[in-house]
PDB file of all heavy atoms in Angstrom:
ATOM      1  N   GLN A   1     110.591 146.116 119.344  1.00  0.00           N
ATOM      2  CA  GLN A   1     110.943 145.104 118.339  1.00  0.00           C
ATOM      3  C   GLN A   1     110.378 145.475 116.970  1.00  0.00           C
ATOM      4  O   GLN A   1     111.044 145.330 115.952  1.00  0.00           O
ATOM      5  CB  GLN A   1     110.416 143.739 118.771  1.00  0.00           C
ATOM      6  CG  GLN A   1     110.791 142.625 117.834  1.00  0.00           C
ATOM      7  CD  GLN A   1     110.310 141.282 118.350  1.00  0.00           C
ATOM      8  OE1 GLN A   1     109.651 141.190 119.369  1.00  0.00           O
ATOM      9  NE2 GLN A   1     110.645 140.232 117.634  1.00  0.00           N
ATOM     10  N   LEU A   2     109.158 145.985 116.951  1.00  0.00           N
ATOM     11  CA  LEU A   2     108.551 146.415 115.697  1.00  0.00           C
ATOM     12  C   LEU A   2     109.349 147.573 115.090  1.00  0.00           C
ATOM     13  O   LEU A   2     109.603 147.604 113.892  1.00  0.00           O
ATOM     14  CB  LEU A   2     107.094 146.825 115.924  1.00  0.00           C
ATOM     15  CG  LEU A   2     106.334 147.356 114.717  1.00  0.00           C
ATOM     16  CD1 LEU A   2     106.170 146.260 113.669  1.00  0.00           C
ATOM     17  CD2 LEU A   2     104.982 147.905 115.136  1.00  0.00           C
ATOM     18  N   TYR A   3     109.751 148.511 115.933  1.00  0.00           N
ATOM     19  CA  TYR A   3     110.485 149.677 115.445  1.00  0.00           C
ATOM     20  C   TYR A   3     111.883 149.291 114.949  1.00  0.00           C
ATOM     21  O   TYR A   3     112.319 149.745 113.905  1.00  0.00           O
ATOM     22  CB  TYR A   3     110.581 150.721 116.558  1.00  0.00           C
ATOM     23  CG  TYR A   3     111.391 151.934 116.188  1.00  0.00           C
ATOM     24  CD1 TYR A   3     110.905 152.864 115.277  1.00  0.00           C
ATOM     25  CD2 TYR A   3     112.646 152.146 116.746  1.00  0.00           C
ATOM     26  CE1 TYR A   3     111.646 153.976 114.929  1.00  0.00           C
ATOM     27  CE2 TYR A   3     113.391 153.251 116.409  1.00  0.00           C
ATOM     28  CZ  TYR A   3     112.888 154.168 115.503  1.00  0.00           C
ATOM     29  OH  TYR A   3     113.627 155.255 115.164  1.00  0.00           O
ATOM     30  N   ARG A   4     112.568 148.460 115.711  1.00  0.00           N
ATOM     31  CA  ARG A   4     113.953 148.110 115.360  1.00  0.00           C
ATOM     32  C   ARG A   4     114.051 147.107 114.215  1.00  0.00           C
ATOM     33  O   ARG A   4     114.894 147.222 113.339  1.00  0.00           O
ATOM     34  CB  ARG A   4     114.674 147.546 116.575  1.00  0.00           C
ATOM     35  CG  ARG A   4     115.028 148.589 117.586  1.00  0.00           C
ATOM     36  CD  ARG A   4     115.882 148.001 118.675  1.00  0.00           C
ATOM     37  NE  ARG A   4     116.209 149.043 119.652  1.00  0.00           N
ATOM     38  CZ  ARG A   4     116.665 148.791 120.846  1.00  0.00           C
ATOM     39  NH1 ARG A   4     116.857 147.543 121.229  1.00  0.00           N
ATOM     40  NH2 ARG A   4     116.945 149.773 121.672  1.00  0.00           N
ATOM     41  N   HIS A   5     113.207 146.075 114.253  1.00  0.00           N
ATOM     42  CA  HIS A   5     113.342 144.973 113.299  1.00  0.00           C
ATOM     43  C   HIS A   5     112.201 144.892 112.293  1.00  0.00           C
ATOM     44  O   HIS A   5     112.268 144.100 111.357  1.00  0.00           O
ATOM     45  CB  HIS A   5     113.449 143.640 114.048  1.00  0.00           C
ATOM     46  CG  HIS A   5     114.548 143.629 115.068  1.00  0.00           C
ATOM     47  ND1 HIS A   5     115.873 143.695 114.734  1.00  0.00           N
ATOM     48  CD2 HIS A   5     114.499 143.581 116.419  1.00  0.00           C
ATOM     49  CE1 HIS A   5     116.617 143.675 115.836  1.00  0.00           C
ATOM     50  NE2 HIS A   5     115.803 143.610 116.877  1.00  0.00           N
ATOM     51  N   GLY A   6     111.143 145.650 112.504  1.00  0.00           N
ATOM     52  CA  GLY A   6     110.012 145.622 111.590  1.00  0.00           C
ATOM     53  C   GLY A   6     109.200 144.346 111.668  1.00  0.00           C
ATOM     54  O   GLY A   6     108.472 144.021 110.735  1.00  0.00           O
ATOM     55  N   LYS A   7     109.301 143.641 112.797  1.00  0.00           N
ATOM     56  CA  LYS A   7     108.580 142.374 112.953  1.00  0.00           C
ATOM     57  C   LYS A   7     107.439 142.541 113.954  1.00  0.00           C
ATOM     58  O   LYS A   7     107.631 143.011 115.063  1.00  0.00           O
ATOM     59  CB  LYS A   7     109.520 141.277 113.446  1.00  0.00           C
ATOM     60  CG  LYS A   7     110.559 140.882 112.438  1.00  0.00           C
ATOM     61  CD  LYS A   7     111.397 139.749 112.956  1.00  0.00           C
ATOM     62  CE  LYS A   7     112.452 139.376 111.925  1.00  0.00           C
ATOM     63  NZ  LYS A   7     113.319 138.313 112.412  1.00  0.00           N
ATOM     64  N   ALA A   8     106.263 142.138 113.534  1.00  0.00           N
ATOM     65  CA  ALA A   8     105.093 142.127 114.404  1.00  0.00           C
ATOM     66  C   ALA A   8     104.523 140.717 114.387  1.00  0.00           C
ATOM     67  O   ALA A   8     104.504 140.050 113.352  1.00  0.00           O
ATOM     68  CB  ALA A   8     104.049 143.128 113.927  1.00  0.00           C
ATOM     69  N   TYR A   9     104.084 140.257 115.541  1.00  0.00           N
ATOM     70  CA  TYR A   9     103.581 138.890 115.652  1.00  0.00           C
ATOM     71  C   TYR A   9     102.078 138.839 115.908  1.00  0.00           C
ATOM     72  O   TYR A   9     101.475 137.790 115.763  1.00  0.00           O
ATOM     73  CB  TYR A   9     104.327 138.140 116.755  1.00  0.00           C
ATOM     74  CG  TYR A   9     105.806 138.032 116.458  1.00  0.00           C
ATOM     75  CD1 TYR A   9     106.721 138.860 117.084  1.00  0.00           C
ATOM     76  CD2 TYR A   9     106.263 137.129 115.506  1.00  0.00           C
ATOM     77  CE1 TYR A   9     108.066 138.765 116.792  1.00  0.00           C
ATOM     78  CE2 TYR A   9     107.606 137.032 115.204  1.00  0.00           C
ATOM     79  CZ  TYR A   9     108.507 137.851 115.850  1.00  0.00           C
ATOM     80  OH  TYR A   9     109.837 137.773 115.540  1.00  0.00           O
ATOM     81  N   ARG A  10     101.508 139.952 116.296  1.00  0.00           N
ATOM     82  CA  ARG A  10     100.066 140.040 116.520  1.00  0.00           C
ATOM     83  C   ARG A  10      99.503 141.090 115.580  1.00  0.00           C
ATOM     84  O   ARG A  10     100.104 142.141 115.379  1.00  0.00           O
ATOM     85  CB  ARG A  10      99.762 140.467 117.956  1.00  0.00           C
ATOM     86  CG  ARG A  10     100.103 139.463 119.003  1.00  0.00           C
ATOM     87  CD  ARG A  10      99.824 140.095 120.344  1.00  0.00           C
ATOM     88  NE  ARG A  10      99.700 139.099 121.377  1.00  0.00           N
ATOM     89  CZ  ARG A  10      99.314 139.351 122.609  1.00  0.00           C
ATOM     90  NH1 ARG A  10      99.002 140.577 122.955  1.00  0.00           N
ATOM     91  NH2 ARG A  10      99.228 138.403 123.489  1.00  0.00           N
ATOM     92  N   PHE A  11      98.311 140.796 115.066  1.00  0.00           N
ATOM     93  CA  PHE A  11      97.712 141.720 114.101  1.00  0.00           C
ATOM     94  C   PHE A  11      96.247 141.959 114.421  1.00  0.00           C
ATOM     95  O   PHE A  11      95.574 141.095 114.980  1.00  0.00           O
ATOM     96  CB  PHE A  11      97.847 141.166 112.679  1.00  0.00           C
ATOM     97  CG  PHE A  11      99.268 141.061 112.224  1.00  0.00           C
ATOM     98  CD1 PHE A  11      99.967 139.871 112.366  1.00  0.00           C
ATOM     99  CD2 PHE A  11      99.902 142.152 111.666  1.00  0.00           C
ATOM    100  CE1 PHE A  11     101.287 139.781 111.969  1.00  0.00           C
ATOM    101  CE2 PHE A  11     101.217 142.069 111.262  1.00  0.00           C
ATOM    102  CZ  PHE A  11     101.915 140.878 111.409  1.00  0.00           C
ATOM    103  N   ILE A  12      95.790 143.131 114.049  1.00  0.00           N
ATOM    104  CA  ILE A  12      94.370 143.473 114.118  1.00  0.00           C
ATOM    105  C   ILE A  12      94.009 144.025 112.747  1.00  0.00           C
ATOM    106  O   ILE A  12      94.417 145.134 112.389  1.00  0.00           O
ATOM    107  CB  ILE A  12      94.081 144.500 115.229  1.00  0.00           C
ATOM    108  CG1 ILE A  12      94.422 143.904 116.598  1.00  0.00           C
ATOM    109  CG2 ILE A  12      92.635 144.960 115.174  1.00  0.00           C
ATOM    110  CD1 ILE A  12      94.227 144.849 117.757  1.00  0.00           C
ATOM    111  N   PHE A  13      93.315 143.227 111.975  1.00  0.00           N
ATOM    112  CA  PHE A  13      92.902 143.565 110.612  1.00  0.00           C
ATOM    113  C   PHE A  13      94.076 144.055 109.760  1.00  0.00           C
ATOM    114  O   PHE A  13      93.985 145.064 109.065  1.00  0.00           O
ATOM    115  CB  PHE A  13      91.760 144.590 110.606  1.00  0.00           C
ATOM    116  CG  PHE A  13      90.502 144.062 111.231  1.00  0.00           C
ATOM    117  CD1 PHE A  13      90.036 144.581 112.423  1.00  0.00           C
ATOM    118  CD2 PHE A  13      89.798 143.033 110.632  1.00  0.00           C
ATOM    119  CE1 PHE A  13      88.877 144.094 112.999  1.00  0.00           C
ATOM    120  CE2 PHE A  13      88.640 142.541 111.206  1.00  0.00           C
ATOM    121  CZ  PHE A  13      88.181 143.066 112.391  1.00  0.00           C
ATOM    122  N   GLY A  14      95.171 143.352 109.823  1.00  0.00           N
ATOM    123  CA  GLY A  14      96.327 143.647 108.991  1.00  0.00           C
ATOM    124  C   GLY A  14      97.307 144.662 109.557  1.00  0.00           C
ATOM    125  O   GLY A  14      98.395 144.823 109.037  1.00  0.00           O
ATOM    126  N   PHE A  15      96.942 145.347 110.604  1.00  0.00           N
ATOM    127  CA  PHE A  15      97.842 146.298 111.256  1.00  0.00           C
ATOM    128  C   PHE A  15      98.479 145.621 112.458  1.00  0.00           C
ATOM    129  O   PHE A  15      97.873 144.746 113.079  1.00  0.00           O
ATOM    130  CB  PHE A  15      97.083 147.541 111.731  1.00  0.00           C
ATOM    131  CG  PHE A  15      96.431 148.300 110.622  1.00  0.00           C
ATOM    132  CD1 PHE A  15      95.069 148.171 110.370  1.00  0.00           C
ATOM    133  CD2 PHE A  15      97.177 149.152 109.821  1.00  0.00           C
ATOM    134  CE1 PHE A  15      94.466 148.867 109.348  1.00  0.00           C
ATOM    135  CE2 PHE A  15      96.578 149.865 108.796  1.00  0.00           C
ATOM    136  CZ  PHE A  15      95.226 149.719 108.547  1.00  0.00           C
ATOM    137  N   SER A  16      99.686 146.037 112.806  1.00  0.00           N
ATOM    138  CA  SER A  16     100.314 145.434 113.977  1.00  0.00           C
ATOM    139  C   SER A  16      99.483 145.779 115.207  1.00  0.00           C
ATOM    140  O   SER A  16      99.073 146.931 115.398  1.00  0.00           O
ATOM    141  CB  SER A  16     101.756 145.903 114.133  1.00  0.00           C
ATOM    142  OG  SER A  16     101.810 147.190 114.673  1.00  0.00           O
ATOM    143  N   ALA A  17      99.237 144.773 116.021  1.00  0.00           N
ATOM    144  CA  ALA A  17      98.381 144.969 117.198  1.00  0.00           C
ATOM    145  C   ALA A  17      98.987 145.979 118.156  1.00  0.00           C
ATOM    146  O   ALA A  17      98.267 146.776 118.768  1.00  0.00           O
ATOM    147  CB  ALA A  17      98.148 143.638 117.906  1.00  0.00           C
ATOM    148  N   VAL A  18     100.305 145.976 118.282  1.00  0.00           N
ATOM    149  CA  VAL A  18     100.929 146.901 119.221  1.00  0.00           C
ATOM    150  C   VAL A  18     100.728 148.348 118.770  1.00  0.00           C
ATOM    151  O   VAL A  18     100.492 149.241 119.589  1.00  0.00           O
ATOM    152  CB  VAL A  18     102.420 146.541 119.452  1.00  0.00           C
ATOM    153  CG1 VAL A  18     103.276 146.889 118.247  1.00  0.00           C
ATOM    154  CG2 VAL A  18     102.948 147.219 120.686  1.00  0.00           C
ATOM    155  N   SER A  19     100.766 148.609 117.481  1.00  0.00           N
ATOM    156  CA  SER A  19     100.534 149.971 116.980  1.00  0.00           C
ATOM    157  C   SER A  19      99.099 150.407 117.231  1.00  0.00           C
ATOM    158  O   SER A  19      98.847 151.530 117.684  1.00  0.00           O
ATOM    159  CB  SER A  19     100.835 150.053 115.486  1.00  0.00           C
ATOM    160  OG  SER A  19     102.161 149.723 115.217  1.00  0.00           O
ATOM    161  N   VAL A  20      98.164 149.523 116.936  1.00  0.00           N
ATOM    162  CA  VAL A  20      96.750 149.843 117.139  1.00  0.00           C
ATOM    163  C   VAL A  20      96.458 150.068 118.618  1.00  0.00           C
ATOM    164  O   VAL A  20      95.785 151.041 118.992  1.00  0.00           O
ATOM    165  CB  VAL A  20      95.852 148.721 116.567  1.00  0.00           C
ATOM    166  CG1 VAL A  20      94.403 148.939 116.939  1.00  0.00           C
ATOM    167  CG2 VAL A  20      96.012 148.628 115.065  1.00  0.00           C
ATOM    168  N   MET A  21      97.017 149.205 119.459  1.00  0.00           N
ATOM    169  CA  MET A  21      96.717 149.316 120.884  1.00  0.00           C
ATOM    170  C   MET A  21      97.419 150.530 121.507  1.00  0.00           C
ATOM    171  O   MET A  21      96.889 151.128 122.440  1.00  0.00           O
ATOM    172  CB  MET A  21      97.086 148.022 121.609  1.00  0.00           C
ATOM    173  CG  MET A  21      96.246 146.824 121.152  1.00  0.00           C
ATOM    174  SD  MET A  21      94.472 147.156 120.977  1.00  0.00           S
ATOM    175  CE  MET A  21      93.992 147.271 122.667  1.00  0.00           C
ATOM    176  N   TYR A  22      98.592 150.890 121.007  1.00  0.00           N
ATOM    177  CA  TYR A  22      99.217 152.125 121.494  1.00  0.00           C
ATOM    178  C   TYR A  22      98.371 153.333 121.118  1.00  0.00           C
ATOM    179  O   TYR A  22      98.241 154.281 121.893  1.00  0.00           O
ATOM    180  CB  TYR A  22     100.646 152.291 120.957  1.00  0.00           C
ATOM    181  CG  TYR A  22     101.703 151.954 121.987  1.00  0.00           C
ATOM    182  CD1 TYR A  22     102.558 150.888 121.798  1.00  0.00           C
ATOM    183  CD2 TYR A  22     101.830 152.714 123.147  1.00  0.00           C
ATOM    184  CE1 TYR A  22     103.521 150.568 122.744  1.00  0.00           C
ATOM    185  CE2 TYR A  22     102.786 152.406 124.092  1.00  0.00           C
ATOM    186  CZ  TYR A  22     103.627 151.334 123.883  1.00  0.00           C
ATOM    187  OH  TYR A  22     104.571 151.034 124.830  1.00  0.00           O
ATOM    188  N   LEU A  23      97.782 153.316 119.951  1.00  0.00           N
ATOM    189  CA  LEU A  23      96.880 154.389 119.552  1.00  0.00           C
ATOM    190  C   LEU A  23      95.676 154.452 120.500  1.00  0.00           C
ATOM    191  O   LEU A  23      95.272 155.531 120.945  1.00  0.00           O
ATOM    192  CB  LEU A  23      96.409 154.192 118.109  1.00  0.00           C
ATOM    193  CG  LEU A  23      95.467 155.247 117.554  1.00  0.00           C
ATOM    194  CD1 LEU A  23      96.151 156.608 117.487  1.00  0.00           C
ATOM    195  CD2 LEU A  23      94.954 154.840 116.194  1.00  0.00           C
ATOM    196  N   VAL A  24      95.134 153.288 120.835  1.00  0.00           N
ATOM    197  CA  VAL A  24      94.014 153.225 121.783  1.00  0.00           C
ATOM    198  C   VAL A  24      94.444 153.765 123.142  1.00  0.00           C
ATOM    199  O   VAL A  24      93.710 154.534 123.776  1.00  0.00           O
ATOM    200  CB  VAL A  24      93.483 151.771 121.903  1.00  0.00           C
ATOM    201  CG1 VAL A  24      92.516 151.635 123.068  1.00  0.00           C
ATOM    202  CG2 VAL A  24      92.814 151.346 120.610  1.00  0.00           C
ATOM    203  N   VAL A  25      95.635 153.391 123.594  1.00  0.00           N
ATOM    204  CA  VAL A  25      96.136 153.855 124.892  1.00  0.00           C
ATOM    205  C   VAL A  25      96.275 155.378 124.899  1.00  0.00           C
ATOM    206  O   VAL A  25      95.876 156.037 125.857  1.00  0.00           O
ATOM    207  CB  VAL A  25      97.476 153.166 125.249  1.00  0.00           C
ATOM    208  CG1 VAL A  25      98.174 153.875 126.396  1.00  0.00           C
ATOM    209  CG2 VAL A  25      97.249 151.707 125.599  1.00  0.00           C
ATOM    210  N   VAL A  26      96.825 155.936 123.842  1.00  0.00           N
ATOM    211  CA  VAL A  26      97.024 157.388 123.779  1.00  0.00           C
ATOM    212  C   VAL A  26      95.677 158.117 123.790  1.00  0.00           C
ATOM    213  O   VAL A  26      95.483 159.084 124.544  1.00  0.00           O
ATOM    214  CB  VAL A  26      97.855 157.766 122.531  1.00  0.00           C
ATOM    215  CG1 VAL A  26      97.806 159.255 122.265  1.00  0.00           C
ATOM    216  CG2 VAL A  26      99.285 157.295 122.697  1.00  0.00           C
ATOM    217  N   VAL A  27      94.743 157.655 122.989  1.00  0.00           N
ATOM    218  CA  VAL A  27      93.426 158.313 122.935  1.00  0.00           C
ATOM    219  C   VAL A  27      92.700 158.151 124.270  1.00  0.00           C
ATOM    220  O   VAL A  27      92.139 159.118 124.806  1.00  0.00           O
ATOM    221  CB  VAL A  27      92.580 157.747 121.765  1.00  0.00           C
ATOM    222  CG1 VAL A  27      91.151 158.243 121.840  1.00  0.00           C
ATOM    223  CG2 VAL A  27      93.209 158.121 120.437  1.00  0.00           C
ATOM    224  N   ALA A  28      92.714 156.946 124.833  1.00  0.00           N
ATOM    225  CA  ALA A  28      92.030 156.712 126.105  1.00  0.00           C
ATOM    226  C   ALA A  28      92.662 157.525 127.233  1.00  0.00           C
ATOM    227  O   ALA A  28      91.944 158.063 128.085  1.00  0.00           O
ATOM    228  CB  ALA A  28      92.047 155.224 126.445  1.00  0.00           C
ATOM    229  N   ALA A  29      93.982 157.639 127.245  1.00  0.00           N
ATOM    230  CA  ALA A  29      94.647 158.435 128.284  1.00  0.00           C
ATOM    231  C   ALA A  29      94.230 159.898 128.180  1.00  0.00           C
ATOM    232  O   ALA A  29      94.013 160.568 129.206  1.00  0.00           O
ATOM    233  CB  ALA A  29      96.159 158.294 128.173  1.00  0.00           C
ATOM    234  N   GLN A  30      94.099 160.404 126.971  1.00  0.00           N
ATOM    235  CA  GLN A  30      93.643 161.785 126.809  1.00  0.00           C
ATOM    236  C   GLN A  30      92.200 161.951 127.266  1.00  0.00           C
ATOM    237  O   GLN A  30      91.861 162.926 127.946  1.00  0.00           O
ATOM    238  CB  GLN A  30      93.794 162.221 125.360  1.00  0.00           C
ATOM    239  CG  GLN A  30      95.219 162.408 124.941  1.00  0.00           C
ATOM    240  CD  GLN A  30      95.346 162.841 123.496  1.00  0.00           C
ATOM    241  OE1 GLN A  30      94.358 163.131 122.833  1.00  0.00           O
ATOM    242  NE2 GLN A  30      96.566 162.892 123.005  1.00  0.00           N
ATOM    243  N   VAL A  31      91.362 161.006 126.908  1.00  0.00           N
ATOM    244  CA  VAL A  31      89.956 161.075 127.320  1.00  0.00           C
ATOM    245  C   VAL A  31      89.855 161.077 128.841  1.00  0.00           C
ATOM    246  O   VAL A  31      89.153 161.910 129.431  1.00  0.00           O
ATOM    247  CB  VAL A  31      89.142 159.906 126.708  1.00  0.00           C
ATOM    248  CG1 VAL A  31      87.785 159.772 127.374  1.00  0.00           C
ATOM    249  CG2 VAL A  31      88.983 160.101 125.212  1.00  0.00           C
ATOM    250  N   HIS A  32      90.564 160.162 129.496  1.00  0.00           N
ATOM    251  CA  HIS A  32      90.482 160.082 130.962  1.00  0.00           C
ATOM    252  C   HIS A  32      91.165 161.273 131.627  1.00  0.00           C
ATOM    253  O   HIS A  32      90.707 161.743 132.669  1.00  0.00           O
ATOM    254  CB  HIS A  32      91.077 158.772 131.452  1.00  0.00           C
ATOM    255  CG  HIS A  32      90.296 157.577 131.023  1.00  0.00           C
ATOM    256  ND1 HIS A  32      88.972 157.405 131.336  1.00  0.00           N
ATOM    257  CD2 HIS A  32      90.652 156.506 130.276  1.00  0.00           C
ATOM    258  CE1 HIS A  32      88.541 156.272 130.807  1.00  0.00           C
ATOM    259  NE2 HIS A  32      89.541 155.712 130.155  1.00  0.00           N
ATOM    260  N   GLY A  33      92.242 161.762 131.035  1.00  0.00           N
ATOM    261  CA  GLY A  33      92.899 162.944 131.583  1.00  0.00           C
ATOM    262  C   GLY A  33      91.992 164.164 131.556  1.00  0.00           C
ATOM    263  O   GLY A  33      91.871 164.887 132.547  1.00  0.00           O
ATOM    264  N   TRP A  34      91.345 164.393 130.425  1.00  0.00           N
ATOM    265  CA  TRP A  34      90.401 165.513 130.326  1.00  0.00           C
ATOM    266  C   TRP A  34      89.200 165.295 131.236  1.00  0.00           C
ATOM    267  O   TRP A  34      88.669 166.241 131.820  1.00  0.00           O
ATOM    268  CB  TRP A  34      89.947 165.727 128.885  1.00  0.00           C
ATOM    269  CG  TRP A  34      90.975 166.413 128.057  1.00  0.00           C
ATOM    270  CD1 TRP A  34      91.716 165.874 127.052  1.00  0.00           C
ATOM    271  CD2 TRP A  34      91.399 167.772 128.181  1.00  0.00           C
ATOM    272  NE1 TRP A  34      92.573 166.819 126.543  1.00  0.00           N
ATOM    273  CE2 TRP A  34      92.403 167.993 127.221  1.00  0.00           C
ATOM    274  CE3 TRP A  34      91.030 168.824 129.017  1.00  0.00           C
ATOM    275  CZ2 TRP A  34      93.040 169.217 127.068  1.00  0.00           C
ATOM    276  CZ3 TRP A  34      91.666 170.047 128.863  1.00  0.00           C
ATOM    277  CH2 TRP A  34      92.655 170.230 127.903  1.00  0.00           C
ATOM    278  N   GLN A  35      88.777 164.048 131.355  1.00  0.00           N
ATOM    279  CA  GLN A  35      87.654 163.744 132.241  1.00  0.00           C
ATOM    280  C   GLN A  35      88.016 164.098 133.687  1.00  0.00           C
ATOM    281  O   GLN A  35      87.209 164.697 134.403  1.00  0.00           O
ATOM    282  CB  GLN A  35      87.295 162.265 132.118  1.00  0.00           C
ATOM    283  CG  GLN A  35      86.050 161.855 132.831  1.00  0.00           C
ATOM    284  CD  GLN A  35      85.723 160.386 132.586  1.00  0.00           C
ATOM    285  OE1 GLN A  35      86.323 159.725 131.751  1.00  0.00           O
ATOM    286  NE2 GLN A  35      84.777 159.872 133.338  1.00  0.00           N
ATOM    287  N   LEU A  36      89.218 163.747 134.117  1.00  0.00           N
ATOM    288  CA  LEU A  36      89.657 164.098 135.472  1.00  0.00           C
ATOM    289  C   LEU A  36      89.775 165.615 135.643  1.00  0.00           C
ATOM    290  O   LEU A  36      89.383 166.170 136.676  1.00  0.00           O
ATOM    291  CB  LEU A  36      90.995 163.427 135.788  1.00  0.00           C
ATOM    292  CG  LEU A  36      90.935 161.936 136.092  1.00  0.00           C
ATOM    293  CD1 LEU A  36      92.340 161.358 136.177  1.00  0.00           C
ATOM    294  CD2 LEU A  36      90.176 161.703 137.384  1.00  0.00           C
ATOM    295  N   TYR A  37      90.321 166.289 134.637  1.00  0.00           N
ATOM    296  CA  TYR A  37      90.476 167.739 134.703  1.00  0.00           C
ATOM    297  C   TYR A  37      89.113 168.423 134.830  1.00  0.00           C
ATOM    298  O   TYR A  37      88.913 169.276 135.711  1.00  0.00           O
ATOM    299  CB  TYR A  37      91.217 168.239 133.456  1.00  0.00           C
ATOM    300  CG  TYR A  37      91.299 169.738 133.371  1.00  0.00           C
ATOM    301  CD1 TYR A  37      92.176 170.452 134.173  1.00  0.00           C
ATOM    302  CD2 TYR A  37      90.493 170.437 132.475  1.00  0.00           C
ATOM    303  CE1 TYR A  37      92.251 171.833 134.093  1.00  0.00           C
ATOM    304  CE2 TYR A  37      90.564 171.811 132.390  1.00  0.00           C
ATOM    305  CZ  TYR A  37      91.445 172.507 133.203  1.00  0.00           C
ATOM    306  OH  TYR A  37      91.500 173.869 133.123  1.00  0.00           O
ATOM    307  N   TYR A  38      88.174 168.069 133.958  1.00  0.00           N
ATOM    308  CA  TYR A  38      86.851 168.687 134.017  1.00  0.00           C
ATOM    309  C   TYR A  38      86.109 168.300 135.296  1.00  0.00           C
ATOM    310  O   TYR A  38      85.343 169.101 135.838  1.00  0.00           O
ATOM    311  CB  TYR A  38      86.018 168.311 132.791  1.00  0.00           C
ATOM    312  CG  TYR A  38      86.446 169.014 131.525  1.00  0.00           C
ATOM    313  CD1 TYR A  38      86.517 168.329 130.324  1.00  0.00           C
ATOM    314  CD2 TYR A  38      86.778 170.359 131.516  1.00  0.00           C
ATOM    315  CE1 TYR A  38      86.899 168.959 129.153  1.00  0.00           C
ATOM    316  CE2 TYR A  38      87.168 171.006 130.359  1.00  0.00           C
ATOM    317  CZ  TYR A  38      87.222 170.294 129.174  1.00  0.00           C
ATOM    318  OH  TYR A  38      87.606 170.931 128.030  1.00  0.00           O
ATOM    319  N   SER A  39      86.313 167.089 135.774  1.00  0.00           N
ATOM    320  CA  SER A  39      85.669 166.675 137.032  1.00  0.00           C
ATOM    321  C   SER A  39      86.184 167.508 138.192  1.00  0.00           C
ATOM    322  O   SER A  39      85.413 167.902 139.074  1.00  0.00           O
ATOM    323  CB  SER A  39      85.922 165.193 137.300  1.00  0.00           C
ATOM    324  OG  SER A  39      85.293 164.401 136.330  1.00  0.00           O
ATOM    325  N   LYS A  40      87.471 167.791 138.212  1.00  0.00           N
ATOM    326  CA  LYS A  40      88.041 168.632 139.269  1.00  0.00           C
ATOM    327  C   LYS A  40      87.464 170.045 139.192  1.00  0.00           C
ATOM    328  O   LYS A  40      87.103 170.633 140.215  1.00  0.00           O
ATOM    329  CB  LYS A  40      89.571 168.661 139.131  1.00  0.00           C
ATOM    330  CG  LYS A  40      90.275 169.637 140.052  1.00  0.00           C
ATOM    331  CD  LYS A  40      90.140 169.224 141.505  1.00  0.00           C
ATOM    332  CE  LYS A  40      91.013 170.086 142.393  1.00  0.00           C
ATOM    333  NZ  LYS A  40      90.283 171.070 143.160  1.00  0.00           N
ATOM    334  N   LYS A  41      87.362 170.582 137.983  1.00  0.00           N
ATOM    335  CA  LYS A  41      86.769 171.913 137.822  1.00  0.00           C
ATOM    336  C   LYS A  41      85.302 171.904 138.269  1.00  0.00           C
ATOM    337  O   LYS A  41      84.838 172.852 138.898  1.00  0.00           O
ATOM    338  CB  LYS A  41      86.864 172.373 136.369  1.00  0.00           C
ATOM    339  CG  LYS A  41      88.262 172.494 135.820  1.00  0.00           C
ATOM    340  CD  LYS A  41      88.957 173.714 136.286  1.00  0.00           C
ATOM    341  CE  LYS A  41      88.576 174.851 135.387  1.00  0.00           C
ATOM    342  NZ  LYS A  41      89.222 176.092 135.760  1.00  0.00           N
TER     343      LYS A  41
END
């Protein structure tokens, strides 16, 4: 909805919450992925 219509209903310090949380998800997924990889090694 944000991408198509430019409407955001939740915010975190002026940024759309979905954008901020997707950034958190991407960074956290990388951290946990590398953690699993190094743990296996």
